[in-house]
């Protein structure tokens, strides 16, 4: 089993680590940018960007399903399958493109949206997708990258519709967050089974677990806490 130090050595030698460094530098300087500039209006760009990201995720979803599941001898097969490497590299490319989420937030002065969850998820996925495409482009990882691609089809389609009609956004944002949490729960079960019976690396358990906790915390703060506060406010207004 690969040690955590070897894993970090490999990751730090990849192009994605340079991308990560520039990404973190951009976030660090974003407050200064906000002070010296005015927010950009980017609605047409956001509409096109989100629908393109949704389409690219559709491509990787279908690729992972076909090459990683249909063409694979097993869901837990940890060897090369012809055609799958190209899907992994496309997936890695989409994770780089999706860093534009943060760029647009900075340009539009939406710095409040750049949360720890947002930064951790985007930056880690760039490096992990680079690692998977280079070192482990196997069918064993395809099911949960395919699942993530499916979630991103829905996610970017939602944001595309929101950018298209900002005054009348879709009313299923809460369900979208629930879908994201369900995704990581399923991935966690998948990796636990893989660790127990198919020699998966123990570290594969940590990432879906951490994301499930972070997204659950976001869900609690964004929906449950706010709902409770609104209920208290309404009750206080009752005669």
Protein backbone atom coordinates (compact mmCIF):
# COMPACT_ATOMS: atom_id res chain seq x y z
CA UNK A 1 0.00 0.00 0.00
CA UNK A 2 1.27 3.46 -0.91
CA UNK A 3 2.22 5.57 2.11
CA UNK A 4 0.80 9.02 2.69
CA UNK A 5 4.27 10.53 2.20
CA UNK A 6 4.77 8.83 -1.17
CA UNK A 7 1.29 9.98 -2.20
CA UNK A 8 2.14 13.61 -1.37
CA UNK A 9 5.50 13.29 -3.13
CA UNK A 10 3.74 12.16 -6.29
CA UNK A 11 1.06 14.86 -6.06
CA UNK A 12 3.61 17.64 -5.45
CA UNK A 13 5.42 16.61 -8.63
CA UNK A 14 2.31 16.91 -10.79
CA UNK A 15 1.12 19.94 -12.84
CA UNK A 16 -1.95 20.19 -10.62
CA UNK A 17 0.19 21.19 -7.64
CA UNK A 18 1.34 24.32 -9.50
CA UNK A 19 -2.29 25.02 -10.35
CA UNK A 20 -3.14 24.59 -6.67
CA UNK A 21 -0.46 27.11 -5.62
CA UNK A 22 -1.72 29.75 -8.08
CA UNK A 23 -5.30 29.05 -7.01
CA UNK A 24 -4.49 29.64 -3.35
CA UNK A 25 -2.52 32.78 -4.23
CA UNK A 26 -5.55 34.11 -6.12
CA UNK A 27 -7.79 33.55 -3.11
CA UNK A 28 -5.26 35.21 -0.80
CA UNK A 29 -5.15 38.29 -3.06
CA UNK A 30 -8.91 38.39 -3.71
CA UNK A 31 -9.58 40.77 -0.81
CA UNK A 32 -7.11 43.28 -2.27
CA UNK A 33 -8.74 42.86 -5.68
CA UNK A 34 -12.14 43.62 -4.16
CA UNK A 35 -10.79 46.84 -2.61
CA UNK A 36 -9.31 48.25 -5.82
CA UNK A 37 -11.93 47.21 -8.39
CA UNK A 38 -15.66 47.28 -8.99
CA UNK A 39 -17.65 44.04 -9.42
CA UNK A 40 -18.00 42.71 -12.95
CA UNK A 41 -21.40 41.92 -14.44
CA UNK A 42 -20.91 38.53 -16.10
CA UNK A 43 -24.36 37.07 -16.68
CA UNK A 44 -23.90 35.96 -20.36
CA UNK A 45 -20.51 34.43 -19.51
CA UNK A 46 -21.96 32.57 -16.52
CA UNK A 47 -24.84 31.18 -18.58
CA UNK A 48 -22.47 29.79 -21.23
CA UNK A 49 -19.90 28.59 -18.69
CA UNK A 50 -22.36 26.65 -16.54
CA UNK A 51 -24.07 24.91 -19.43
CA UNK A 52 -20.67 23.99 -20.95
CA UNK A 53 -19.57 22.51 -17.60
CA UNK A 54 -22.83 20.55 -17.42
CA UNK A 55 -22.20 19.19 -20.92
CA UNK A 56 -18.59 18.21 -20.13
CA UNK A 57 -19.75 16.39 -17.00
CA UNK A 58 -22.29 14.54 -19.15
CA UNK A 59 -19.42 13.41 -21.40
CA UNK A 60 -17.34 12.11 -18.47
CA UNK A 61 -20.40 10.48 -16.89
CA UNK A 62 -21.13 8.49 -20.06
CA UNK A 63 -17.42 7.68 -20.48
CA UNK A 64 -17.09 6.31 -16.95
CA UNK A 65 -20.28 4.28 -17.35
CA UNK A 66 -19.22 2.76 -20.68
CA UNK A 67 -15.48 2.16 -20.17
CA UNK A 68 -15.40 1.89 -16.38
CA UNK A 69 -18.48 -0.30 -15.84
CA UNK A 70 -19.81 -1.82 -19.09
CA UNK A 71 -16.36 -2.65 -20.51
CA UNK A 72 -14.79 -3.58 -17.17
CA UNK A 73 -14.56 -7.15 -15.82
CA UNK A 74 -15.51 -5.89 -12.34
CA UNK A 75 -16.51 -2.75 -10.46
CA UNK A 76 -13.37 -3.21 -8.37
CA UNK A 77 -10.99 -3.98 -11.25
CA UNK A 78 -7.65 -2.23 -10.62
CA UNK A 79 -5.94 -2.53 -13.99
CA UNK A 80 -5.91 -0.60 -17.25
CA UNK A 81 -8.96 -0.78 -19.52
CA UNK A 82 -8.66 0.56 -23.07
CA UNK A 83 -10.37 3.92 -23.55
CA UNK A 84 -10.75 4.74 -19.86
CA UNK A 85 -7.55 6.81 -19.59
CA UNK A 86 -8.99 9.37 -22.03
CA UNK A 87 -12.08 9.73 -19.84
CA UNK A 88 -9.89 10.28 -16.78
CA UNK A 89 -7.94 13.04 -18.52
CA UNK A 90 -11.16 14.71 -19.66
CA UNK A 91 -12.38 14.53 -16.06
CA UNK A 92 -9.11 16.10 -14.89
CA UNK A 93 -9.58 18.85 -17.50
CA UNK A 94 -13.10 19.58 -16.22
CA UNK A 95 -11.80 19.95 -12.66
CA UNK A 96 -9.38 22.61 -13.92
CA UNK A 97 -12.13 24.39 -15.83
CA UNK A 98 -14.35 24.33 -12.73
CA UNK A 99 -11.79 26.44 -10.87
CA UNK A 100 -13.35 29.27 -12.85
CA UNK A 101 -16.19 29.08 -10.30
CA UNK A 102 -13.84 30.80 -7.86
CA UNK A 103 -12.44 33.20 -10.46
CA UNK A 104 -15.95 34.42 -11.26
CA UNK A 105 -16.70 34.83 -7.55
CA UNK A 106 -13.60 37.01 -7.18
CA UNK A 107 -14.40 39.09 -10.27
CA UNK A 108 -17.99 39.59 -9.11
CA UNK A 109 -16.92 40.40 -5.52
CA UNK A 110 -18.76 37.34 -4.18
CA UNK A 111 -15.97 36.59 -1.75
CA UNK A 112 -18.42 35.43 0.93
CA UNK A 113 -19.16 32.39 -1.24
CA UNK A 114 -15.49 31.35 -1.16
CA UNK A 115 -15.91 29.16 1.91
CA UNK A 116 -13.55 26.52 3.28
CA UNK A 117 -15.78 23.84 1.74
CA UNK A 118 -15.62 25.54 -1.66
CA UNK A 119 -11.82 25.96 -1.63
CA UNK A 120 -11.10 22.51 -0.19
CA UNK A 121 -13.38 20.74 -2.65
CA UNK A 122 -12.16 22.53 -5.80
CA UNK A 123 -8.45 22.46 -4.99
CA UNK A 124 -8.40 18.86 -3.77
CA UNK A 125 -10.36 17.59 -6.78
CA UNK A 126 -7.85 19.16 -9.18
CA UNK A 127 -4.98 17.29 -7.52
CA UNK A 128 -6.84 14.03 -6.93
CA UNK A 129 -8.15 13.90 -10.50
CA UNK A 130 -4.61 14.51 -11.78
CA UNK A 131 -3.35 11.67 -9.58
CA UNK A 132 -6.13 9.34 -10.74
CA UNK A 133 -5.57 10.15 -14.42
CA UNK A 134 -1.80 9.60 -14.11
CA UNK A 135 -1.40 6.80 -11.56
CA UNK A 136 -4.71 4.97 -11.12
CA UNK A 137 -6.95 5.30 -14.22
CA UNK A 138 -8.78 2.10 -13.26
CA UNK A 139 -12.40 0.94 -13.40
CA UNK A 140 -12.33 0.61 -9.58
CA UNK A 141 -12.48 4.41 -9.25
CA UNK A 142 -14.79 5.01 -12.22
CA UNK A 143 -18.14 4.41 -10.39
CA UNK A 144 -17.71 7.26 -7.94
CA UNK A 145 -16.11 9.62 -10.45
CA UNK A 146 -19.05 8.79 -12.71
CA UNK A 147 -21.39 9.55 -9.82
CA UNK A 148 -19.62 12.84 -9.22
CA UNK A 149 -19.96 13.66 -12.92
CA UNK A 150 -23.70 13.00 -12.74
CA UNK A 151 -24.06 15.33 -9.75
CA UNK A 152 -22.15 17.99 -11.66
CA UNK A 153 -24.46 17.64 -14.65
CA UNK A 154 -27.33 18.59 -12.37
CA UNK A 155 -25.29 21.16 -10.41
CA UNK A 156 -24.10 23.20 -13.39
CA UNK A 157 -27.45 22.88 -15.14
CA UNK A 158 -29.00 24.41 -12.00
CA UNK A 159 -26.51 27.28 -11.97
CA UNK A 160 -26.94 27.77 -15.72
CA UNK A 161 -30.70 28.18 -15.24
CA UNK A 162 -30.07 30.50 -12.28
CA UNK A 163 -27.76 32.70 -14.37
CA UNK A 164 -30.28 32.64 -17.22
CA UNK A 165 -33.19 33.68 -14.98
CA UNK A 166 -31.74 35.28 -11.83
CA UNK A 167 -35.17 36.64 -10.79
CA UNK A 168 -36.79 33.22 -11.08
CA UNK A 169 -34.17 30.57 -10.14
CA UNK A 170 -35.08 26.87 -9.87
CA UNK A 171 -36.61 25.91 -6.53
CA UNK A 172 -34.65 22.71 -5.98
CA UNK A 173 -31.36 23.98 -4.51
CA UNK A 174 -32.02 22.15 -1.23
CA UNK A 175 -32.60 18.88 -3.12
CA UNK A 176 -29.33 19.48 -4.97
CA UNK A 177 -27.42 19.66 -1.68
CA UNK A 178 -29.16 16.48 -0.54
CA UNK A 179 -28.02 14.82 -3.78
CA UNK A 180 -24.43 15.90 -3.08
CA UNK A 181 -24.54 14.42 0.43
CA UNK A 182 -26.12 11.18 -0.84
CA UNK A 183 -23.33 10.95 -3.42
CA UNK A 184 -20.62 10.94 -0.76
CA UNK A 185 -22.54 8.50 1.42
CA UNK A 186 -22.71 6.02 -1.47
CA UNK A 187 -19.04 6.58 -2.33
CA UNK A 188 -18.09 6.01 1.32
CA UNK A 189 -19.92 2.65 1.35
CA UNK A 190 -18.29 1.74 -1.96
CA UNK A 191 -14.77 2.53 -0.69
CA UNK A 192 -15.34 0.78 2.65
CA UNK A 193 -16.33 -2.37 0.80
CA UNK A 194 -13.33 -1.95 -1.51
CA UNK A 195 -10.99 -1.55 1.44
CA UNK A 196 -12.42 -4.60 3.21
CA UNK A 197 -12.54 -7.01 0.28
CA UNK A 198 -10.54 -5.58 -2.66
CA UNK A 199 -7.37 -4.08 -1.14
CA UNK A 200 -8.40 -0.46 -1.58
CA UNK A 201 -6.07 2.06 0.03
CA UNK A 202 -7.28 3.14 3.46
CA UNK A 203 -6.89 6.79 2.44
CA UNK A 204 -9.66 6.35 -0.13
CA UNK A 205 -12.10 6.30 2.80
CA UNK A 206 -11.02 9.66 4.21
CA UNK A 207 -12.00 11.90 1.30
CA UNK A 208 -15.67 10.92 0.90
CA UNK A 209 -15.99 10.92 4.70
CA UNK A 210 -14.58 14.45 4.96
CA UNK A 211 -16.79 15.70 2.13
CA UNK A 212 -19.88 14.10 3.63
CA UNK A 213 -19.18 15.86 6.94
CA UNK A 214 -18.50 19.24 5.29
CA UNK A 215 -21.57 19.12 3.05
CA UNK A 216 -23.75 17.94 5.94
CA UNK A 217 -22.49 20.87 8.02
CA UNK A 218 -23.32 23.24 5.14
CA UNK A 219 -26.79 21.69 4.81
CA UNK A 220 -27.43 22.07 8.53
CA UNK A 221 -26.33 25.72 8.55
CA UNK A 222 -28.03 26.69 5.29
CA UNK A 223 -31.36 24.93 5.69
CA UNK A 224 -32.07 23.48 9.13
CA UNK A 225 -30.71 26.38 11.21
CA UNK A 226 -32.27 29.03 8.98
CA UNK A 227 -35.60 27.18 8.98
CA UNK A 228 -35.55 27.05 12.78
CA UNK A 229 -34.77 30.78 12.98
CA UNK A 230 -37.57 31.65 10.54
CA UNK A 231 -40.01 29.53 12.56
CA UNK A 232 -39.03 31.34 15.78
CA UNK A 233 -39.42 34.71 14.05
CA UNK A 234 -42.90 33.84 12.77
CA UNK A 235 -43.96 32.62 16.21
CA UNK A 236 -42.70 35.81 17.82
CA UNK A 237 -44.91 37.83 15.47
CA UNK A 238 -48.04 35.88 16.37
CA UNK A 239 -50.43 37.88 18.61
